[in-house]
Amino acid sequence: MTCDHAKALALAKAGQWDAAHELVQLYCDRTSCLIHAYLHRVEGDNSNARYWYRQAGVTMPANTLEEELERLVDTIASQA
């Protein structure tokens, strides 16, 4: 079973943080970790966000939340 990354991002865009978080927290693949990190940035929990970015193999970016969401959408699209 794999995470539906597009659904998680759609939920995040719709302001359904809990539903998006429930979806990605079950997975440890790189993209799920990036989305998980983004969700914690949205929540304002930068310490937890940094942890999940590290799990994805990157440092927490200095971009805005809007820019990060767009980057994640582009990442998902490139994987399709």
PDB file of N, CA and C in Angstrom:
ATOM      1  N   MET A   1       0.845  -1.181   0.000  1.00  0.00           N
ATOM      2  CA  MET A   1       0.000   0.000   0.000  1.00  0.00           C
ATOM      3  C   MET A   1       0.890   1.244   0.000  1.00  0.00           C
ATOM      4  N   THR A   2       0.518   2.227  -0.806  1.00  0.00           N
ATOM      5  CA  THR A   2       1.298   3.461  -0.887  1.00  0.00           C
ATOM      6  C   THR A   2       0.423   4.654  -0.529  1.00  0.00           C
ATOM      7  N   CYS A   3       1.084   5.710  -0.143  1.00  0.00           N
ATOM      8  CA  CYS A   3       0.387   6.940   0.230  1.00  0.00           C
ATOM      9  C   CYS A   3      -0.146   7.645  -1.017  1.00  0.00           C
ATOM     10  N   ASP A   4      -1.338   8.179  -0.924  1.00  0.00           N
ATOM     11  CA  ASP A   4      -1.901   8.994  -1.999  1.00  0.00           C
ATOM     12  C   ASP A   4      -1.440  10.432  -1.758  1.00  0.00           C
ATOM     13  N   HIS A   5      -0.264  10.748  -2.288  1.00  0.00           N
ATOM     14  CA  HIS A   5       0.346  12.057  -2.062  1.00  0.00           C
ATOM     15  C   HIS A   5      -0.531  13.194  -2.576  1.00  0.00           C
ATOM     16  N   ALA A   6      -1.117  13.004  -3.755  1.00  0.00           N
ATOM     17  CA  ALA A   6      -1.960  14.055  -4.333  1.00  0.00           C
ATOM     18  C   ALA A   6      -3.158  14.338  -3.430  1.00  0.00           C
ATOM     19  N   LYS A   7      -3.741  13.287  -2.870  1.00  0.00           N
ATOM     20  CA  LYS A   7      -4.882  13.473  -1.968  1.00  0.00           C
ATOM     21  C   LYS A   7      -4.445  14.212  -0.706  1.00  0.00           C
ATOM     22  N   ALA A   8      -3.285  13.855  -0.171  1.00  0.00           N
ATOM     23  CA  ALA A   8      -2.778  14.526   1.033  1.00  0.00           C
ATOM     24  C   ALA A   8      -2.590  16.017   0.776  1.00  0.00           C
ATOM     25  N   LEU A   9      -2.042  16.362  -0.384  1.00  0.00           N
ATOM     26  CA  LEU A   9      -1.839  17.779  -0.703  1.00  0.00           C
ATOM     27  C   LEU A   9      -3.168  18.492  -0.942  1.00  0.00           C
ATOM     28  N   ALA A  10      -4.117  17.804  -1.574  1.00  0.00           N
ATOM     29  CA  ALA A  10      -5.438  18.404  -1.783  1.00  0.00           C
ATOM     30  C   ALA A  10      -6.109  18.685  -0.437  1.00  0.00           C
ATOM     31  N   LEU A  11      -5.982  17.756   0.490  1.00  0.00           N
ATOM     32  CA  LEU A  11      -6.535  17.966   1.827  1.00  0.00           C
ATOM     33  C   LEU A  11      -5.853  19.147   2.511  1.00  0.00           C
ATOM     34  N   ALA A  12      -4.538  19.226   2.367  1.00  0.00           N
ATOM     35  CA  ALA A  12      -3.788  20.339   2.965  1.00  0.00           C
ATOM     36  C   ALA A  12      -4.244  21.669   2.372  1.00  0.00           C
ATOM     37  N   LYS A  13      -4.402  21.706   1.041  1.00  0.00           N
ATOM     38  CA  LYS A  13      -4.860  22.932   0.379  1.00  0.00           C
ATOM     39  C   LYS A  13      -6.244  23.343   0.862  1.00  0.00           C
ATOM     40  N   ALA A  14      -7.078  22.348   1.172  1.00  0.00           N
ATOM     41  CA  ALA A  14      -8.447  22.615   1.620  1.00  0.00           C
ATOM     42  C   ALA A  14      -8.516  22.950   3.109  1.00  0.00           C
ATOM     43  N   GLY A  15      -7.355  23.013   3.752  1.00  0.00           N
ATOM     44  CA  GLY A  15      -7.324  23.345   5.170  1.00  0.00           C
ATOM     45  C   GLY A  15      -7.666  22.185   6.086  1.00  0.00           C
ATOM     46  N   GLN A  16      -7.652  20.980   5.542  1.00  0.00           N
ATOM     47  CA  GLN A  16      -7.972  19.789   6.329  1.00  0.00           C
ATOM     48  C   GLN A  16      -6.677  19.148   6.834  1.00  0.00           C
ATOM     49  N   TRP A  17      -6.014  19.867   7.749  1.00  0.00           N
ATOM     50  CA  TRP A  17      -4.709  19.472   8.255  1.00  0.00           C
ATOM     51  C   TRP A  17      -4.751  18.080   8.869  1.00  0.00           C
ATOM     52  N   ASP A  18      -5.715  17.822   9.746  1.00  0.00           N
ATOM     53  CA  ASP A  18      -5.774  16.532  10.437  1.00  0.00           C
ATOM     54  C   ASP A  18      -5.908  15.372   9.462  1.00  0.00           C
ATOM     55  N   ALA A  19      -6.768  15.519   8.466  1.00  0.00           N
ATOM     56  CA  ALA A  19      -6.965  14.445   7.490  1.00  0.00           C
ATOM     57  C   ALA A  19      -5.703  14.220   6.665  1.00  0.00           C
ATOM     58  N   ALA A  20      -5.048  15.297   6.261  1.00  0.00           N
ATOM     59  CA  ALA A  20      -3.800  15.169   5.500  1.00  0.00           C
ATOM     60  C   ALA A  20      -2.726  14.509   6.355  1.00  0.00           C
ATOM     61  N   HIS A  21      -2.644  14.914   7.605  1.00  0.00           N
ATOM     62  CA  HIS A  21      -1.645  14.354   8.523  1.00  0.00           C
ATOM     63  C   HIS A  21      -1.892  12.869   8.756  1.00  0.00           C
ATOM     64  N   GLU A  22      -3.143  12.487   8.968  1.00  0.00           N
ATOM     65  CA  GLU A  22      -3.484  11.074   9.159  1.00  0.00           C
ATOM     66  C   GLU A  22      -3.053  10.242   7.967  1.00  0.00           C
ATOM     67  N   LEU A  23      -3.202  10.793   6.780  1.00  0.00           N
ATOM     68  CA  LEU A  23      -2.856  10.065   5.565  1.00  0.00           C
ATOM     69  C   LEU A  23      -1.351   9.845   5.441  1.00  0.00           C
ATOM     70  N   VAL A  24      -0.547  10.868   5.681  1.00  0.00           N
ATOM     71  CA  VAL A  24       0.900  10.733   5.447  1.00  0.00           C
ATOM     72  C   VAL A  24       1.660  10.131   6.616  1.00  0.00           C
ATOM     73  N   GLN A  25       1.136  10.225   7.825  1.00  0.00           N
ATOM     74  CA  GLN A  25       1.915   9.775   8.979  1.00  0.00           C
ATOM     75  C   GLN A  25       2.151   8.268   8.996  1.00  0.00           C
ATOM     76  N   LEU A  26       1.439   7.537   8.185  1.00  0.00           N
ATOM     77  CA  LEU A  26       1.603   6.084   8.131  1.00  0.00           C
ATOM     78  C   LEU A  26       2.758   5.644   7.240  1.00  0.00           C
ATOM     79  N   TYR A  27       3.362   6.571   6.495  1.00  0.00           N
ATOM     80  CA  TYR A  27       4.357   6.219   5.483  1.00  0.00           C
ATOM     81  C   TYR A  27       5.695   6.896   5.749  1.00  0.00           C
ATOM     82  N   CYS A  28       6.759   6.250   5.285  1.00  0.00           N
ATOM     83  CA  CYS A  28       8.114   6.773   5.502  1.00  0.00           C
ATOM     84  C   CYS A  28       8.873   6.997   4.199  1.00  0.00           C
ATOM     85  N   ASP A  29       8.175   6.942   3.062  1.00  0.00           N
ATOM     86  CA  ASP A  29       8.860   7.233   1.803  1.00  0.00           C
ATOM     87  C   ASP A  29       9.204   8.721   1.768  1.00  0.00           C
ATOM     88  N   ARG A  30      10.136   9.088   0.904  1.00  0.00           N
ATOM     89  CA  ARG A  30      10.656  10.453   0.861  1.00  0.00           C
ATOM     90  C   ARG A  30       9.553  11.498   0.677  1.00  0.00           C
ATOM     91  N   THR A  31       8.655  11.272  -0.270  1.00  0.00           N
ATOM     92  CA  THR A  31       7.615  12.258  -0.552  1.00  0.00           C
ATOM     93  C   THR A  31       6.649  12.398   0.621  1.00  0.00           C
ATOM     94  N   SER A  32       6.294  11.287   1.243  1.00  0.00           N
ATOM     95  CA  SER A  32       5.428  11.359   2.427  1.00  0.00           C
ATOM     96  C   SER A  32       6.099  12.147   3.540  1.00  0.00           C
ATOM     97  N   CYS A  33       7.401  11.938   3.715  1.00  0.00           N
ATOM     98  CA  CYS A  33       8.140  12.682   4.744  1.00  0.00           C
ATOM     99  C   CYS A  33       8.168  14.174   4.429  1.00  0.00           C
ATOM    100  N   LEU A  34       8.314  14.526   3.152  1.00  0.00           N
ATOM    101  CA  LEU A  34       8.303  15.938   2.766  1.00  0.00           C
ATOM    102  C   LEU A  34       6.942  16.574   3.044  1.00  0.00           C
ATOM    103  N   ILE A  35       5.882  15.860   2.714  1.00  0.00           N
ATOM    104  CA  ILE A  35       4.537  16.382   2.974  1.00  0.00           C
ATOM    105  C   ILE A  35       4.306  16.481   4.478  1.00  0.00           C
ATOM    106  N   HIS A  36       4.736  15.475   5.204  1.00  0.00           N
ATOM    107  CA  HIS A  36       4.606  15.468   6.665  1.00  0.00           C
ATOM    108  C   HIS A  36       5.324  16.685   7.255  1.00  0.00           C
ATOM    109  N   ALA A  37       6.522  16.951   6.763  1.00  0.00           N
ATOM    110  CA  ALA A  37       7.287  18.114   7.225  1.00  0.00           C
ATOM    111  C   ALA A  37       6.538  19.409   6.922  1.00  0.00           C
ATOM    112  N   TYR A  38       6.037  19.525   5.699  1.00  0.00           N
ATOM    113  CA  TYR A  38       5.274  20.719   5.311  1.00  0.00           C
ATOM    114  C   TYR A  38       4.084  20.933   6.250  1.00  0.00           C
ATOM    115  N   LEU A  39       3.365  19.859   6.552  1.00  0.00           N
ATOM    116  CA  LEU A  39       2.199  19.978   7.429  1.00  0.00           C
ATOM    117  C   LEU A  39       2.590  20.503   8.807  1.00  0.00           C
ATOM    118  N   HIS A  40       3.734  20.069   9.307  1.00  0.00           N
ATOM    119  CA  HIS A  40       4.168  20.574  10.609  1.00  0.00           C
ATOM    120  C   HIS A  40       4.622  22.031  10.522  1.00  0.00           C
ATOM    121  N   ARG A  41       5.128  22.444   9.372  1.00  0.00           N
ATOM    122  CA  ARG A  41       5.420  23.877   9.185  1.00  0.00           C
ATOM    123  C   ARG A  41       4.129  24.680   9.229  1.00  0.00           C
ATOM    124  N   VAL A  42       3.100  24.184   8.561  1.00  0.00           N
ATOM    125  CA  VAL A  42       1.795  24.855   8.567  1.00  0.00           C
ATOM    126  C   VAL A  42       1.291  24.985   9.999  1.00  0.00           C
ATOM    127  N   GLU A  43       1.486  23.941  10.766  1.00  0.00           N
ATOM    128  CA  GLU A  43       1.046  23.907  12.160  1.00  0.00           C
ATOM    129  C   GLU A  43       1.866  24.851  13.043  1.00  0.00           C
ATOM    130  N   GLY A  44       3.048  25.226  12.554  1.00  0.00           N
ATOM    131  CA  GLY A  44       3.927  26.082  13.341  1.00  0.00           C
ATOM    132  C   GLY A  44       4.904  25.310  14.206  1.00  0.00           C
ATOM    133  N   ASP A  45       4.979  23.997  14.005  1.00  0.00           N
ATOM    134  CA  ASP A  45       5.870  23.128  14.777  1.00  0.00           C
ATOM    135  C   ASP A  45       7.148  22.888  13.970  1.00  0.00           C
ATOM    136  N   ASN A  46       8.016  23.907  13.943  1.00  0.00           N
ATOM    137  CA  ASN A  46       9.220  23.827  13.117  1.00  0.00           C
ATOM    138  C   ASN A  46      10.197  22.759  13.580  1.00  0.00           C
ATOM    139  N   SER A  47      10.232  22.458  14.857  1.00  0.00           N
ATOM    140  CA  SER A  47      11.109  21.399  15.359  1.00  0.00           C
ATOM    141  C   SER A  47      10.709  20.056  14.758  1.00  0.00           C
ATOM    142  N   ASN A  48       9.432  19.762  14.772  1.00  0.00           N
ATOM    143  CA  ASN A  48       8.933  18.522  14.186  1.00  0.00           C
ATOM    144  C   ASN A  48       9.109  18.547  12.668  1.00  0.00           C
ATOM    145  N   ALA A  49       8.893  19.699  12.057  1.00  0.00           N
ATOM    146  CA  ALA A  49       9.087  19.828  10.612  1.00  0.00           C
ATOM    147  C   ALA A  49      10.530  19.511  10.237  1.00  0.00           C
ATOM    148  N   ARG A  50      11.486  20.063  10.983  1.00  0.00           N
ATOM    149  CA  ARG A  50      12.900  19.781  10.702  1.00  0.00           C
ATOM    150  C   ARG A  50      13.184  18.285  10.791  1.00  0.00           C
ATOM    151  N   TYR A  51      12.602  17.606  11.766  1.00  0.00           N
ATOM    152  CA  TYR A  51      12.775  16.155  11.900  1.00  0.00           C
ATOM    153  C   TYR A  51      12.327  15.447  10.625  1.00  0.00           C
ATOM    154  N   TRP A  52      11.143  15.792  10.130  1.00  0.00           N
ATOM    155  CA  TRP A  52      10.612  15.115   8.947  1.00  0.00           C
ATOM    156  C   TRP A  52      11.380  15.480   7.683  1.00  0.00           C
ATOM    157  N   TYR A  53      11.874  16.711   7.591  1.00  0.00           N
ATOM    158  CA  TYR A  53      12.741  17.038   6.453  1.00  0.00           C
ATOM    159  C   TYR A  53      14.008  16.193   6.515  1.00  0.00           C
ATOM    160  N   ARG A  54      14.580  16.021   7.708  1.00  0.00           N
ATOM    161  CA  ARG A  54      15.770  15.162   7.843  1.00  0.00           C
ATOM    162  C   ARG A  54      15.450  13.734   7.427  1.00  0.00           C
ATOM    163  N   GLN A  55      14.270  13.239   7.791  1.00  0.00           N
ATOM    164  CA  GLN A  55      13.865  11.889   7.383  1.00  0.00           C
ATOM    165  C   GLN A  55      13.815  11.777   5.861  1.00  0.00           C
ATOM    166  N   ALA A  56      13.494  12.891   5.199  1.00  0.00           N
ATOM    167  CA  ALA A  56      13.444  12.917   3.731  1.00  0.00           C
ATOM    168  C   ALA A  56      14.820  13.153   3.113  1.00  0.00           C
ATOM    169  N   GLY A  57      15.821  13.422   3.965  1.00  0.00           N
ATOM    170  CA  GLY A  57      17.185  13.604   3.475  1.00  0.00           C
ATOM    171  C   GLY A  57      17.527  15.020   3.068  1.00  0.00           C
ATOM    172  N   VAL A  58      16.757  15.990   3.535  1.00  0.00           N
ATOM    173  CA  VAL A  58      17.007  17.394   3.188  1.00  0.00           C
ATOM    174  C   VAL A  58      16.917  18.259   4.445  1.00  0.00           C
ATOM    175  N   THR A  59      17.406  19.484   4.328  1.00  0.00           N
ATOM    176  CA  THR A  59      17.237  20.434   5.425  1.00  0.00           C
ATOM    177  C   THR A  59      15.952  21.221   5.190  1.00  0.00           C
ATOM    178  N   MET A  60      15.421  21.797   6.249  1.00  0.00           N
ATOM    179  CA  MET A  60      14.191  22.563   6.123  1.00  0.00           C
ATOM    180  C   MET A  60      14.450  23.791   5.259  1.00  0.00           C
ATOM    181  N   PRO A  61      13.661  23.968   4.197  1.00  0.00           N
ATOM    182  CA  PRO A  61      13.879  25.109   3.306  1.00  0.00           C
ATOM    183  C   PRO A  61      13.465  26.427   3.955  1.00  0.00           C
ATOM    184  N   ALA A  62      13.993  27.503   3.410  1.00  0.00           N
ATOM    185  CA  ALA A  62      13.669  28.843   3.906  1.00  0.00           C
ATOM    186  C   ALA A  62      12.553  29.484   3.082  1.00  0.00           C
ATOM    187  N   ASN A  63      11.893  28.703   2.240  1.00  0.00           N
ATOM    188  CA  ASN A  63      10.835  29.245   1.393  1.00  0.00           C
ATOM    189  C   ASN A  63       9.551  29.463   2.196  1.00  0.00           C
ATOM    190  N   THR A  64       8.593  30.130   1.574  1.00  0.00           N
ATOM    191  CA  THR A  64       7.298  30.350   2.220  1.00  0.00           C
ATOM    192  C   THR A  64       6.483  29.061   2.169  1.00  0.00           C
ATOM    193  N   LEU A  65       5.434  29.017   2.957  1.00  0.00           N
ATOM    194  CA  LEU A  65       4.554  27.851   2.922  1.00  0.00           C
ATOM    195  C   LEU A  65       3.920  27.686   1.544  1.00  0.00           C
ATOM    196  N   GLU A  66       3.565  28.803   0.923  1.00  0.00           N
ATOM    197  CA  GLU A  66       2.965  28.743  -0.413  1.00  0.00           C
ATOM    198  C   GLU A  66       3.960  28.180  -1.427  1.00  0.00           C
ATOM    199  N   GLU A  67       5.206  28.632  -1.341  1.00  0.00           N
ATOM    200  CA  GLU A  67       6.240  28.129  -2.252  1.00  0.00           C
ATOM    201  C   GLU A  67       6.509  26.651  -2.009  1.00  0.00           C
ATOM    202  N   GLU A  68       6.506  26.246  -0.752  1.00  0.00           N
ATOM    203  CA  GLU A  68       6.749  24.836  -0.440  1.00  0.00           C
ATOM    204  C   GLU A  68       5.610  23.964  -0.945  1.00  0.00           C
ATOM    205  N   LEU A  69       4.390  24.420  -0.789  1.00  0.00           N
ATOM    206  CA  LEU A  69       3.254  23.659  -1.304  1.00  0.00           C
ATOM    207  C   LEU A  69       3.362  23.506  -2.814  1.00  0.00           C
ATOM    208  N   GLU A  70       3.703  24.580  -3.506  1.00  0.00           N
ATOM    209  CA  GLU A  70       3.859  24.512  -4.965  1.00  0.00           C
ATOM    210  C   GLU A  70       4.986  23.554  -5.348  1.00  0.00           C
ATOM    211  N   ARG A  71       6.078  23.583  -4.605  1.00  0.00           N
ATOM    212  CA  ARG A  71       7.198  22.674  -4.872  1.00  0.00           C
ATOM    213  C   ARG A  71       6.759  21.220  -4.692  1.00  0.00           C
ATOM    214  N   LEU A  72       5.970  20.958  -3.659  1.00  0.00           N
ATOM    215  CA  LEU A  72       5.486  19.598  -3.424  1.00  0.00           C
ATOM    216  C   LEU A  72       4.531  19.153  -4.528  1.00  0.00           C
ATOM    217  N   VAL A  73       3.661  20.055  -4.961  1.00  0.00           N
ATOM    218  CA  VAL A  73       2.749  19.738  -6.070  1.00  0.00           C
ATOM    219  C   VAL A  73       3.564  19.387  -7.313  1.00  0.00           C
ATOM    220  N   ASP A  74       4.604  20.169  -7.605  1.00  0.00           N
ATOM    221  CA  ASP A  74       5.469  19.890  -8.756  1.00  0.00           C
ATOM    222  C   ASP A  74       6.187  18.553  -8.601  1.00  0.00           C
ATOM    223  N   THR A  75       6.623  18.243  -7.387  1.00  0.00           N
ATOM    224  CA  THR A  75       7.296  16.969  -7.124  1.00  0.00           C
ATOM    225  C   THR A  75       6.369  15.802  -7.422  1.00  0.00           C
ATOM    226  N   ILE A  76       5.136  15.902  -6.957  1.00  0.00           N
ATOM    227  CA  ILE A  76       4.145  14.841  -7.195  1.00  0.00           C
ATOM    228  C   ILE A  76       3.878  14.694  -8.693  1.00  0.00           C
ATOM    229  N   ALA A  77       3.721  15.820  -9.378  1.00  0.00           N
ATOM    230  CA  ALA A  77       3.437  15.790 -10.817  1.00  0.00           C
ATOM    231  C   ALA A  77       4.576  15.138 -11.587  1.00  0.00           C
ATOM    232  N   SER A  78       5.805  15.386 -11.169  1.00  0.00           N
ATOM    233  CA  SER A  78       6.954  14.812 -11.885  1.00  0.00           C
ATOM    234  C   SER A  78       7.080  13.314 -11.645  1.00  0.00           C
ATOM    235  N   GLN A  79       6.450  12.803 -10.594  1.00  0.00           N
ATOM    236  CA  GLN A  79       6.501  11.372 -10.295  1.00  0.00           C
ATOM    237  C   GLN A  79       5.424  10.596 -11.039  1.00  0.00           C
ATOM    238  N   ALA A  80       4.447  11.300 -11.582  1.00  0.00           N
ATOM    239  CA  ALA A  80       3.317  10.636 -12.252  1.00  0.00           C
ATOM    240  C   ALA A  80       3.696  10.103 -13.611  1.00  0.00           C
TER     241      ALA A  80
END
